[in-house]
Amino acid sequence: MAAVTSADLSARLTAMRASTSAMVADFDGQRWADADMTAPIALPNWTRGHVLTHIARNADSIARALSGALRGEIVKRYPNGPEGRAADIEAGAGRPVLEQLADVRESAGRLDRLFGAVADADAWDATADSRPCRRWIRARWQEVEVHRVDAESGYTVNQWPADFVAVLLPRLADRLPDRARRPLRLEVTADGSLNSELVGREWAVPGEDPVDVRGPDWAVLAWLTGRKSTAGEALTAAPELDPWM
């Protein structure tokens, strides 16, 4: 895997910020009522309120780690561990819609200011929680784009930015041997793909009678993120995979 340059980081930060702004504007423009926060969505056992709360707490967790890195300290994103993270999401999921939207907006703003401070200090290689600060750009971009779809605002996987798909798809496809439950062959096809450089790329999990999974890049990524239903009929097959996170 090629090293990420400073120019790559700058471009990725700009793209993540654009995705965040688009998500916030999308959510603010919805006519959701309080009852829409407690309505079931496609994610098992979660409501829209769970998704919005998760997006906000994710922003605060990364901001916490980046703030520590700027002080030269290793600060855990979730001080109370996975149980505390889950409890925070559960506690916030049923809040009124205006409170939820403000939380998403304001937490995103706090995180953006921390990313700006890291950029100003050129501290991208400082350790934030368990990884360099620079790696949290992609991690946050991933949260924004994937969970914006989960919120069921009308934003769909075929609207994902091409550069987002180009960054994340190869990373997840490379991990297929650890997640596939049966042999398969994956190929990105030209029709409908957002990135010409991904067309024709193949990955395989060896074995007898492999399943042929073929389709455009955005649909392949939807399947790789565990959201095969959002790809519709764009894939030739979509066998179950073990969790990706």
Protein backbone atom coordinates (compact mmCIF):
# COMPACT_ATOMS: atom_id res chain seq x y z
CA MET A 1 0.00 0.00 0.00
CA ALA A 2 1.41 3.38 -1.05
CA ALA A 3 2.32 5.84 1.68
CA VAL A 4 -0.10 8.70 2.28
CA THR A 5 1.60 12.00 1.41
CA SER A 6 0.95 15.42 2.95
CA ALA A 7 -0.94 16.35 -0.23
CA ASP A 8 -3.06 13.20 0.18
CA LEU A 9 -3.80 14.15 3.78
CA SER A 10 -4.82 17.66 2.81
CA ALA A 11 -7.10 16.37 0.05
CA ARG A 12 -8.60 13.74 2.33
CA LEU A 13 -9.25 16.28 5.09
CA THR A 14 -10.97 18.56 2.57
CA ALA A 15 -13.09 15.66 1.30
CA MET A 16 -14.04 14.57 4.83
CA ARG A 17 -15.06 18.12 5.69
CA ALA A 18 -17.17 18.34 2.53
CA SER A 19 -18.91 15.06 3.40
CA THR A 20 -19.56 16.29 6.94
CA SER A 21 -21.02 19.59 5.75
CA ALA A 22 -23.24 17.77 3.26
CA MET A 23 -24.45 15.37 5.95
CA VAL A 24 -25.27 18.15 8.42
CA ALA A 25 -27.12 20.13 5.74
CA ASP A 26 -29.00 17.00 4.68
CA PHE A 27 -30.11 16.18 8.22
CA ASP A 28 -31.03 19.79 9.00
CA GLY A 29 -33.13 19.91 5.84
CA GLN A 30 -35.21 16.88 6.76
CA ARG A 31 -38.71 17.28 8.15
CA TRP A 32 -38.20 14.69 10.82
CA ALA A 33 -40.47 14.73 13.85
CA ASP A 34 -39.59 13.47 17.31
CA ALA A 35 -41.30 10.19 16.47
CA ASP A 36 -38.90 9.68 13.56
CA MET A 37 -36.05 9.38 16.05
CA THR A 38 -37.58 6.23 17.55
CA ALA A 39 -38.70 4.60 14.29
CA PRO A 40 -36.93 1.36 13.31
CA ILE A 41 -34.40 1.45 10.48
CA ALA A 42 -32.50 -1.20 8.54
CA LEU A 43 -29.79 -1.62 11.19
CA PRO A 44 -30.84 -4.34 13.65
CA ASN A 45 -32.00 -3.06 17.04
CA TRP A 46 -31.25 0.57 16.18
CA THR A 47 -33.43 3.57 15.44
CA ARG A 48 -32.61 6.77 13.60
CA GLY A 49 -31.92 8.30 17.01
CA HIS A 50 -29.26 5.67 17.64
CA VAL A 51 -27.56 6.54 14.34
CA LEU A 52 -27.54 10.29 14.95
CA THR A 53 -26.32 9.87 18.52
CA HIS A 54 -23.59 7.52 17.35
CA ILE A 55 -22.40 10.03 14.74
CA ALA A 56 -22.21 12.76 17.41
CA ARG A 57 -20.46 10.63 20.02
CA ASN A 58 -18.01 9.37 17.40
CA ALA A 59 -17.06 12.98 16.65
CA ASP A 60 -16.55 13.72 20.33
CA SER A 61 -14.50 10.56 20.83
CA ILE A 62 -12.08 11.42 18.03
CA ALA A 63 -11.88 15.02 19.27
CA ARG A 64 -10.99 13.71 22.72
CA ALA A 65 -8.14 11.64 21.31
CA LEU A 66 -6.84 14.45 19.08
CA SER A 67 -6.94 16.93 21.95
CA GLY A 68 -4.84 14.55 24.03
CA ALA A 69 -2.36 14.11 21.19
CA LEU A 70 -1.88 17.88 20.95
CA ARG A 71 -1.00 17.90 24.67
CA GLY A 72 1.39 14.98 24.21
CA GLU A 73 -0.93 12.59 26.05
CA ILE A 74 -2.51 9.28 25.03
CA VAL A 75 -6.22 9.68 25.70
CA LYS A 76 -8.71 6.91 25.00
CA ARG A 77 -11.60 7.82 22.75
CA TYR A 78 -14.02 5.96 25.00
CA PRO A 79 -12.73 6.12 28.60
CA ASN A 80 -15.39 3.68 29.78
CA GLY A 81 -14.75 1.18 27.02
CA PRO A 82 -17.24 -0.44 24.63
CA GLU A 83 -19.86 -0.70 27.36
CA GLY A 84 -19.67 3.02 28.05
CA ARG A 85 -19.85 3.78 24.33
CA ALA A 86 -22.97 1.65 23.95
CA ALA A 87 -24.54 3.21 27.03
CA ASP A 88 -23.95 6.73 25.73
CA ILE A 89 -25.62 5.87 22.42
CA GLU A 90 -28.57 4.24 24.16
CA ALA A 91 -28.98 7.17 26.52
CA GLY A 92 -29.12 9.68 23.68
CA ALA A 93 -31.15 7.74 21.13
CA GLY A 94 -34.59 8.83 22.31
CA ARG A 95 -33.97 12.58 22.49
CA PRO A 96 -36.14 15.07 20.57
CA VAL A 97 -35.16 15.68 16.97
CA LEU A 98 -33.97 19.26 17.45
CA GLU A 99 -31.63 18.18 20.23
CA GLN A 100 -30.32 15.34 18.07
CA LEU A 101 -29.66 17.62 15.09
CA ALA A 102 -27.91 20.22 17.24
CA ASP A 103 -25.75 17.49 18.75
CA VAL A 104 -24.66 16.20 15.32
CA ARG A 105 -23.95 19.74 14.11
CA GLU A 106 -22.09 20.98 17.20
CA SER A 107 -20.03 17.83 17.74
CA ALA A 108 -18.95 17.97 14.09
CA GLY A 109 -17.89 21.57 14.59
CA ARG A 110 -15.82 20.70 17.66
CA LEU A 111 -14.07 17.91 15.80
CA ASP A 112 -13.39 20.13 12.80
CA ARG A 113 -11.64 22.65 15.04
CA LEU A 114 -9.45 19.88 16.47
CA PHE A 115 -8.51 18.64 13.01
CA GLY A 116 -7.61 22.23 12.15
CA ALA A 117 -5.42 22.50 15.25
CA VAL A 118 -3.62 19.26 14.35
CA ALA A 119 -3.05 20.56 10.82
CA ASP A 120 -1.74 23.90 12.13
CA ALA A 121 0.68 22.08 14.43
CA ASP A 122 1.62 19.57 11.72
CA ALA A 123 1.01 16.91 14.33
CA TRP A 124 -0.41 14.23 12.03
CA ASP A 125 2.05 11.58 13.25
CA ALA A 126 1.29 12.17 16.93
CA THR A 127 -0.52 9.27 18.57
CA ALA A 128 -4.21 9.79 19.25
CA ASP A 129 -5.60 6.88 21.26
CA SER A 130 -4.11 3.91 19.39
CA ARG A 131 -3.18 5.36 16.01
CA PRO A 132 -1.59 8.43 14.39
CA CYS A 133 -3.81 11.50 14.13
CA ARG A 134 -3.77 11.29 10.33
CA ARG A 135 -5.63 7.97 10.37
CA TRP A 136 -8.61 9.53 12.11
CA ILE A 137 -9.40 11.56 8.98
CA ARG A 138 -10.33 8.43 7.05
CA ALA A 139 -12.02 6.89 10.07
CA ARG A 140 -14.30 9.90 10.51
CA TRP A 141 -15.00 10.13 6.77
CA GLN A 142 -16.07 6.51 6.87
CA GLU A 143 -18.42 7.13 9.80
CA VAL A 144 -20.01 10.13 8.11
CA GLU A 145 -20.60 8.53 4.72
CA VAL A 146 -21.73 5.10 5.91
CA HIS A 147 -24.00 6.30 8.73
CA ARG A 148 -25.52 9.05 6.61
CA VAL A 149 -26.93 6.21 4.52
CA ASP A 150 -28.03 4.38 7.68
CA ALA A 151 -30.03 7.43 8.81
CA GLU A 152 -32.36 6.89 5.83
CA SER A 153 -32.55 10.54 4.88
CA GLY A 154 -32.79 9.69 1.19
CA TYR A 155 -29.03 9.59 0.69
CA THR A 156 -28.03 6.34 -1.01
CA VAL A 157 -24.85 4.35 -1.56
CA ASN A 158 -24.66 5.18 -5.28
CA GLN A 159 -24.28 8.83 -4.19
CA TRP A 160 -21.10 8.15 -2.24
CA PRO A 161 -18.21 10.37 -3.40
CA ALA A 162 -15.99 8.60 -5.89
CA ASP A 163 -12.86 9.37 -3.87
CA PHE A 164 -14.43 7.87 -0.75
CA VAL A 165 -15.19 4.64 -2.60
CA ALA A 166 -11.68 4.62 -4.08
CA VAL A 167 -10.11 4.87 -0.61
CA LEU A 168 -12.26 2.41 1.31
CA LEU A 169 -13.13 -0.34 -1.18
CA PRO A 170 -9.59 -1.75 -1.66
CA ARG A 171 -8.96 -1.68 2.09
CA LEU A 172 -12.04 -3.77 2.82
CA ALA A 173 -11.63 -6.05 -0.19
CA ASP A 174 -8.09 -6.91 0.92
CA ARG A 175 -9.58 -8.24 4.16
CA LEU A 176 -12.03 -10.61 2.49
CA PRO A 177 -10.07 -13.77 3.42
CA ASP A 178 -10.67 -12.91 7.09
CA ARG A 179 -14.41 -12.30 6.61
CA ALA A 180 -15.69 -14.62 3.89
CA ARG A 181 -17.64 -17.68 4.98
CA ARG A 182 -17.11 -19.49 1.67
CA PRO A 183 -14.88 -19.25 -1.42
CA LEU A 184 -15.65 -16.31 -3.68
CA ARG A 185 -14.32 -14.18 -6.50
CA LEU A 186 -14.94 -10.44 -6.47
CA GLU A 187 -14.70 -8.20 -9.52
CA VAL A 188 -15.48 -4.50 -9.96
CA THR A 189 -17.33 -3.99 -13.25
CA ALA A 190 -17.44 -0.90 -15.46
CA ASP A 191 -21.19 -0.33 -15.73
CA GLY A 192 -22.14 2.25 -13.11
CA SER A 193 -18.77 2.42 -11.37
CA LEU A 194 -17.58 5.78 -10.05
CA ASN A 195 -13.84 5.08 -10.42
CA SER A 196 -12.34 3.87 -13.70
CA GLU A 197 -9.16 2.83 -11.89
CA LEU A 198 -11.10 0.25 -9.87
CA VAL A 199 -12.77 -1.33 -12.88
CA GLY A 200 -11.42 -4.82 -13.48
CA ARG A 201 -9.88 -5.14 -10.00
CA GLU A 202 -10.33 -8.64 -8.62
CA TRP A 203 -10.00 -10.32 -5.24
CA ALA A 204 -10.43 -13.99 -4.43
CA VAL A 205 -10.98 -16.27 -1.48
CA PRO A 206 -9.70 -19.64 -2.75
CA GLY A 207 -11.70 -22.82 -2.64
CA GLU A 208 -14.12 -24.99 -4.59
CA ASP A 209 -17.21 -23.54 -6.27
CA PRO A 210 -16.50 -19.88 -5.49
CA VAL A 211 -19.40 -17.42 -5.58
CA ASP A 212 -19.02 -14.79 -8.31
CA VAL A 213 -19.60 -11.32 -6.88
CA ARG A 214 -19.53 -8.69 -9.61
CA GLY A 215 -20.84 -5.16 -9.76
CA PRO A 216 -20.03 -1.45 -9.76
CA ASP A 217 -17.64 -0.12 -7.16
CA TRP A 218 -20.25 1.61 -4.97
CA ALA A 219 -22.38 -1.55 -4.78
CA VAL A 220 -19.33 -3.68 -3.95
CA LEU A 221 -18.46 -1.27 -1.14
CA ALA A 222 -22.04 -1.37 0.18
CA TRP A 223 -21.75 -5.17 0.41
CA LEU A 224 -18.32 -4.96 2.03
CA THR A 225 -19.67 -2.61 4.71
CA GLY A 226 -22.43 -5.08 5.58
CA ARG A 227 -25.16 -3.14 3.78
CA LYS A 228 -25.88 -5.42 0.86
CA SER A 229 -29.58 -4.52 0.83
CA THR A 230 -28.68 -0.95 -0.17
CA ALA A 231 -26.98 -2.21 -3.35
CA GLY A 232 -30.28 -3.45 -4.77
CA GLU A 233 -29.77 -5.70 -7.79
CA ALA A 234 -26.45 -4.12 -8.81
CA LEU A 235 -24.47 -7.18 -7.63
CA THR A 236 -24.57 -10.65 -9.14
CA ALA A 237 -24.45 -12.13 -5.64
CA ALA A 238 -23.92 -10.90 -2.10
CA PRO A 239 -22.95 -13.75 0.26
CA GLU A 240 -22.89 -13.11 3.96
CA LEU A 241 -19.63 -11.82 5.43
CA ASP A 242 -18.39 -11.66 8.99
CA PRO A 243 -18.51 -8.14 10.54
CA TRP A 244 -16.11 -5.62 9.07
CA MET A 245 -15.47 -3.49 12.18
